[in-house]
Amino acid sequence: SLSFNRITNVFTVGSGLVYGREEVTTDYSIQVSDYYIGCNHTASITITLPHASQLSSGQTFTIKDESGQADLFNVTVVRQGSDLIDGQTNFVIESGFGAVNLYSNGSNKFFLF
């Protein structure tokens, strides 16, 4: 069951919470509705973030090398426009089964955590 208390701003889930997962094998542009992006690739790929201004402040994405081959075939995460990712234009997953978690400020930046 789900409930939300407007006074305390507490969202309660009475069972396991399931997030959407998008499996990709080639270059991919993350959609606003995505959460997990599972990369099952056999060549280097690029994952493009949406514009931070299209997102809510605090919106989160997890990008994971599910193939275990990022040490051979990197997963490069890139921004759009002048947005930055921890002050940079991109981030590279270069270890097998590596992952990155990012959240947006809802304006012009992404932060790794």
Protein backbone atom coordinates (compact mmCIF):
# COMPACT_ATOMS: atom_id res chain seq x y z
CA SER A 1 0.00 0.00 0.00
CA LEU A 2 1.04 3.60 -0.57
CA SER A 3 0.30 6.68 1.48
CA PHE A 4 1.44 10.27 1.64
CA ASN A 5 1.07 12.51 4.70
CA ARG A 6 0.82 16.11 3.47
CA ILE A 7 1.51 17.52 6.93
CA THR A 8 4.81 15.70 7.48
CA ASN A 9 5.65 15.20 3.76
CA VAL A 10 6.27 11.49 4.42
CA PHE A 11 5.67 8.97 1.64
CA THR A 12 5.12 5.44 2.95
CA VAL A 13 5.43 2.26 0.90
CA GLY A 14 3.96 -0.86 2.44
CA SER A 15 5.98 -3.25 0.27
CA GLY A 16 9.05 -3.27 -1.99
CA LEU A 17 9.49 -0.24 -4.20
CA VAL A 18 10.24 -0.92 -7.87
CA TYR A 19 12.05 1.60 -10.09
CA GLY A 20 11.93 1.56 -13.87
CA ARG A 21 14.88 -0.05 -15.67
CA GLU A 22 15.85 0.62 -19.26
CA GLU A 23 18.22 -1.93 -20.83
CA VAL A 24 20.45 -0.45 -23.53
CA THR A 25 22.91 -2.06 -25.93
CA THR A 26 23.90 1.03 -27.97
CA ASP A 27 24.10 4.81 -27.49
CA TYR A 28 21.10 6.06 -25.52
CA SER A 29 19.51 9.35 -24.48
CA ILE A 30 18.08 9.10 -20.97
CA GLN A 31 14.39 9.94 -20.76
CA VAL A 32 12.94 12.05 -17.94
CA SER A 33 10.94 9.00 -16.80
CA ASP A 34 14.02 6.69 -16.56
CA TYR A 35 15.67 5.66 -13.31
CA TYR A 36 17.99 2.66 -13.86
CA ILE A 37 19.90 2.42 -17.13
CA GLY A 38 21.39 -1.06 -17.52
CA CYS A 39 24.15 -1.17 -20.15
CA ASN A 40 24.49 -4.56 -21.85
CA HIS A 41 26.87 -3.52 -24.59
CA THR A 42 29.53 -5.19 -26.73
CA ALA A 43 31.17 -1.94 -27.89
CA SER A 44 31.83 1.43 -26.27
CA ILE A 45 28.63 3.44 -25.83
CA THR A 46 27.54 6.96 -24.93
CA ILE A 47 24.70 7.70 -22.53
CA THR A 48 23.34 11.24 -22.89
CA LEU A 49 21.68 12.92 -19.92
CA PRO A 50 18.56 15.05 -20.40
CA HIS A 51 18.90 18.79 -19.85
CA ALA A 52 19.00 19.35 -16.09
CA SER A 53 16.37 22.07 -16.49
CA GLN A 54 13.89 19.39 -17.68
CA LEU A 55 14.20 17.59 -14.34
CA SER A 56 13.06 18.13 -10.79
CA SER A 57 15.68 19.17 -8.28
CA GLY A 58 17.02 15.97 -6.75
CA GLN A 59 15.93 13.72 -9.63
CA THR A 60 18.24 10.70 -9.72
CA PHE A 61 19.57 8.27 -12.33
CA THR A 62 21.71 5.15 -11.90
CA ILE A 63 23.78 3.97 -14.87
CA LYS A 64 25.26 0.47 -14.52
CA ASP A 65 27.59 -1.62 -16.68
CA GLU A 66 25.56 -4.83 -16.55
CA SER A 67 27.72 -6.48 -19.22
CA GLY A 68 30.85 -6.36 -17.07
CA GLN A 69 32.82 -5.13 -20.09
CA ALA A 70 33.30 -1.43 -19.34
CA ASP A 71 37.02 -2.04 -18.84
CA LEU A 72 37.17 -2.99 -22.55
CA PHE A 73 34.19 -1.00 -23.85
CA ASN A 74 33.74 2.21 -21.87
CA VAL A 75 30.37 3.75 -21.01
CA THR A 76 30.67 7.51 -21.45
CA VAL A 77 28.01 9.64 -19.76
CA VAL A 78 27.65 13.08 -21.38
CA ARG A 79 25.65 16.19 -20.59
CA GLN A 80 23.60 18.38 -22.91
CA GLY A 81 24.12 22.07 -23.61
CA SER A 82 26.20 23.83 -20.96
CA ASP A 83 25.13 21.52 -18.11
CA LEU A 84 27.97 20.09 -16.02
CA ILE A 85 28.55 16.78 -14.25
CA ASP A 86 30.51 17.57 -11.07
CA GLY A 87 32.06 20.46 -13.00
CA GLN A 88 32.94 18.31 -16.03
CA THR A 89 31.37 17.68 -19.44
CA ASN A 90 31.34 13.89 -19.10
CA PHE A 91 32.01 10.92 -16.88
CA VAL A 92 33.41 7.57 -18.01
CA ILE A 93 32.61 4.19 -16.48
CA GLU A 94 35.76 2.22 -17.23
CA SER A 95 35.67 -0.71 -14.82
CA GLY A 96 33.74 -3.91 -15.35
CA PHE A 97 30.36 -3.83 -13.59
CA GLY A 98 31.01 -0.19 -12.60
CA ALA A 99 28.13 2.20 -12.00
CA VAL A 100 27.42 5.87 -11.39
CA ASN A 101 24.61 7.56 -9.48
CA LEU A 102 23.75 11.13 -10.45
CA TYR A 103 21.23 13.67 -9.28
CA SER A 104 20.20 16.98 -10.83
CA ASN A 105 19.81 20.42 -9.31
CA GLY A 106 16.86 20.94 -11.69
CA SER A 107 18.66 23.82 -13.37
CA ASN A 108 22.09 23.28 -14.96
CA LYS A 109 24.09 20.67 -13.05
CA PHE A 110 24.39 16.99 -12.21
CA PHE A 111 26.23 15.63 -9.19
CA LEU A 112 27.81 12.21 -8.71
CA PHE A 113 27.18 10.34 -5.47
